[in-house]
Amino acid sequence: NPPGDYAGRLIEAAGLKGAAVGGIQVSRQHANFFINPGGAGSASAADVVALIEHVQRTVEDRFGVRLSPEVQLVGEWPAGQRLA
């Protein structure tokens, strides 16, 4: 969470509840959680990363705050992939 604020509040205020990429989506109940409503096999790791990046860009563009994910990527990812 950024100092003096909450990631979930910023994500919600940016209108991202329910936003989706592939099979992964921002929860409509708790904006700081991603859910896989289609169950196993409906979302890829690339979908998750793309949604993280979309949320980061949108919040940063709207509020000037760059959210940092709490997850760590493992394995090999394209050179342009940035989550920090």
C-alpha atoms as a PDB file:
ATOM      1  CA  ASN A   1       0.000   0.000   0.000  1.00  0.00           C
ATOM      2  CA  PRO A   2       1.275   3.480  -0.769  1.00  0.00           C
ATOM      3  CA  PRO A   3       1.977   5.705   2.244  1.00  0.00           C
ATOM      4  CA  GLY A   4      -1.269   7.159   3.589  1.00  0.00           C
ATOM      5  CA  ASP A   5      -3.496   5.248   1.183  1.00  0.00           C
ATOM      6  CA  TYR A   6      -4.604   1.766   0.180  1.00  0.00           C
ATOM      7  CA  ALA A   7      -4.062  -0.006  -3.117  1.00  0.00           C
ATOM      8  CA  GLY A   8      -7.616  -1.347  -3.068  1.00  0.00           C
ATOM      9  CA  ARG A   9      -9.072   2.145  -2.695  1.00  0.00           C
ATOM     10  CA  LEU A  10      -6.991   3.464  -5.597  1.00  0.00           C
ATOM     11  CA  ILE A  11      -7.912   0.510  -7.811  1.00  0.00           C
ATOM     12  CA  GLU A  12     -11.600   0.972  -7.011  1.00  0.00           C
ATOM     13  CA  ALA A  13     -11.439   4.762  -7.496  1.00  0.00           C
ATOM     14  CA  ALA A  14      -9.839   4.164 -10.906  1.00  0.00           C
ATOM     15  CA  GLY A  15     -12.945   2.199 -11.889  1.00  0.00           C
ATOM     16  CA  LEU A  16     -11.125  -1.109 -12.230  1.00  0.00           C
ATOM     17  CA  LYS A  17     -13.439  -3.414 -10.264  1.00  0.00           C
ATOM     18  CA  GLY A  18     -14.441  -6.127 -12.712  1.00  0.00           C
ATOM     19  CA  ALA A  19     -11.708  -5.263 -15.240  1.00  0.00           C
ATOM     20  CA  ALA A  20     -10.486  -8.431 -16.939  1.00  0.00           C
ATOM     21  CA  VAL A  21      -7.760  -9.785 -19.181  1.00  0.00           C
ATOM     22  CA  GLY A  22      -8.354 -13.257 -20.557  1.00  0.00           C
ATOM     23  CA  GLY A  23      -9.705 -15.372 -17.719  1.00  0.00           C
ATOM     24  CA  ILE A  24      -8.495 -13.218 -14.814  1.00  0.00           C
ATOM     25  CA  GLN A  25     -10.352 -10.246 -13.355  1.00  0.00           C
ATOM     26  CA  VAL A  26     -10.225  -7.643 -10.593  1.00  0.00           C
ATOM     27  CA  SER A  27     -12.720  -8.746  -7.947  1.00  0.00           C
ATOM     28  CA  ARG A  28     -15.978  -6.775  -7.903  1.00  0.00           C
ATOM     29  CA  GLN A  29     -16.061  -7.154  -4.098  1.00  0.00           C
ATOM     30  CA  HIS A  30     -12.453  -6.431  -3.108  1.00  0.00           C
ATOM     31  CA  ALA A  31     -10.521  -4.355  -5.648  1.00  0.00           C
ATOM     32  CA  ASN A  32      -7.118  -5.460  -4.327  1.00  0.00           C
ATOM     33  CA  PHE A  33      -7.817  -9.099  -5.266  1.00  0.00           C
ATOM     34  CA  PHE A  34      -7.726 -10.841  -8.625  1.00  0.00           C
ATOM     35  CA  ILE A  35     -10.084 -13.746  -9.195  1.00  0.00           C
ATOM     36  CA  ASN A  36     -10.316 -16.544 -11.750  1.00  0.00           C
ATOM     37  CA  PRO A  37     -14.090 -16.926 -12.180  1.00  0.00           C
ATOM     38  CA  GLY A  38     -13.725 -19.564 -14.909  1.00  0.00           C
ATOM     39  CA  GLY A  39     -11.785 -21.948 -12.699  1.00  0.00           C
ATOM     40  CA  ALA A  40      -8.654 -23.955 -13.402  1.00  0.00           C
ATOM     41  CA  GLY A  41      -7.273 -23.555 -16.895  1.00  0.00           C
ATOM     42  CA  SER A  42      -9.281 -20.477 -17.838  1.00  0.00           C
ATOM     43  CA  ALA A  43      -6.517 -17.939 -17.099  1.00  0.00           C
ATOM     44  CA  SER A  44      -2.830 -17.990 -17.942  1.00  0.00           C
ATOM     45  CA  ALA A  45       0.129 -16.485 -16.105  1.00  0.00           C
ATOM     46  CA  ALA A  46       0.404 -14.041 -19.013  1.00  0.00           C
ATOM     47  CA  ASP A  47      -3.216 -12.945 -18.349  1.00  0.00           C
ATOM     48  CA  VAL A  48      -2.340 -12.265 -14.711  1.00  0.00           C
ATOM     49  CA  VAL A  49       0.743 -10.233 -15.642  1.00  0.00           C
ATOM     50  CA  ALA A  50      -1.194  -8.268 -18.273  1.00  0.00           C
ATOM     51  CA  LEU A  51      -3.904  -7.393 -15.744  1.00  0.00           C
ATOM     52  CA  ILE A  52      -1.317  -6.367 -13.143  1.00  0.00           C
ATOM     53  CA  GLU A  53       0.297  -4.071 -15.713  1.00  0.00           C
ATOM     54  CA  HIS A  54      -3.085  -2.630 -16.772  1.00  0.00           C
ATOM     55  CA  VAL A  55      -3.982  -1.866 -13.154  1.00  0.00           C
ATOM     56  CA  GLN A  56      -0.541  -0.344 -12.495  1.00  0.00           C
ATOM     57  CA  ARG A  57      -0.736   1.906 -15.592  1.00  0.00           C
ATOM     58  CA  THR A  58      -4.299   3.013 -14.936  1.00  0.00           C
ATOM     59  CA  VAL A  59      -3.684   3.887 -11.272  1.00  0.00           C
ATOM     60  CA  GLU A  60      -0.416   5.646 -12.105  1.00  0.00           C
ATOM     61  CA  ASP A  61      -2.019   7.668 -14.929  1.00  0.00           C
ATOM     62  CA  ARG A  62      -4.973   8.667 -12.753  1.00  0.00           C
ATOM     63  CA  PHE A  63      -3.312   9.266  -9.368  1.00  0.00           C
ATOM     64  CA  GLY A  64       0.447   9.446  -9.995  1.00  0.00           C
ATOM     65  CA  VAL A  65       1.041   6.416  -7.760  1.00  0.00           C
ATOM     66  CA  ARG A  66       2.908   3.349  -9.031  1.00  0.00           C
ATOM     67  CA  LEU A  67       1.582   0.251  -7.276  1.00  0.00           C
ATOM     68  CA  SER A  68       4.113  -2.496  -6.585  1.00  0.00           C
ATOM     69  CA  PRO A  69       2.865  -6.082  -6.707  1.00  0.00           C
ATOM     70  CA  GLU A  70       3.375  -8.368  -3.747  1.00  0.00           C
ATOM     71  CA  VAL A  71       3.914 -11.362  -6.023  1.00  0.00           C
ATOM     72  CA  GLN A  72       7.202 -12.387  -7.602  1.00  0.00           C
ATOM     73  CA  LEU A  73       7.363 -13.721 -11.135  1.00  0.00           C
ATOM     74  CA  VAL A  74       9.256 -16.968 -11.555  1.00  0.00           C
ATOM     75  CA  GLY A  75      10.515 -18.476 -14.762  1.00  0.00           C
ATOM     76  CA  GLU A  76      11.457 -16.639 -17.928  1.00  0.00           C
ATOM     77  CA  TRP A  77       9.507 -13.575 -19.082  1.00  0.00           C
ATOM     78  CA  PRO A  78       9.883 -11.278 -22.076  1.00  0.00           C
ATOM     79  CA  ALA A  79      12.500  -8.546 -21.649  1.00  0.00           C
ATOM     80  CA  GLY A  80       9.848  -5.804 -21.801  1.00  0.00           C
ATOM     81  CA  GLN A  81       7.874  -7.241 -18.902  1.00  0.00           C
ATOM     82  CA  ARG A  82       8.014  -4.883 -15.933  1.00  0.00           C
ATOM     83  CA  LEU A  83       6.162  -5.238 -12.687  1.00  0.00           C
ATOM     84  CA  ALA A  84       8.356  -3.324 -10.275  1.00  0.00           C
END
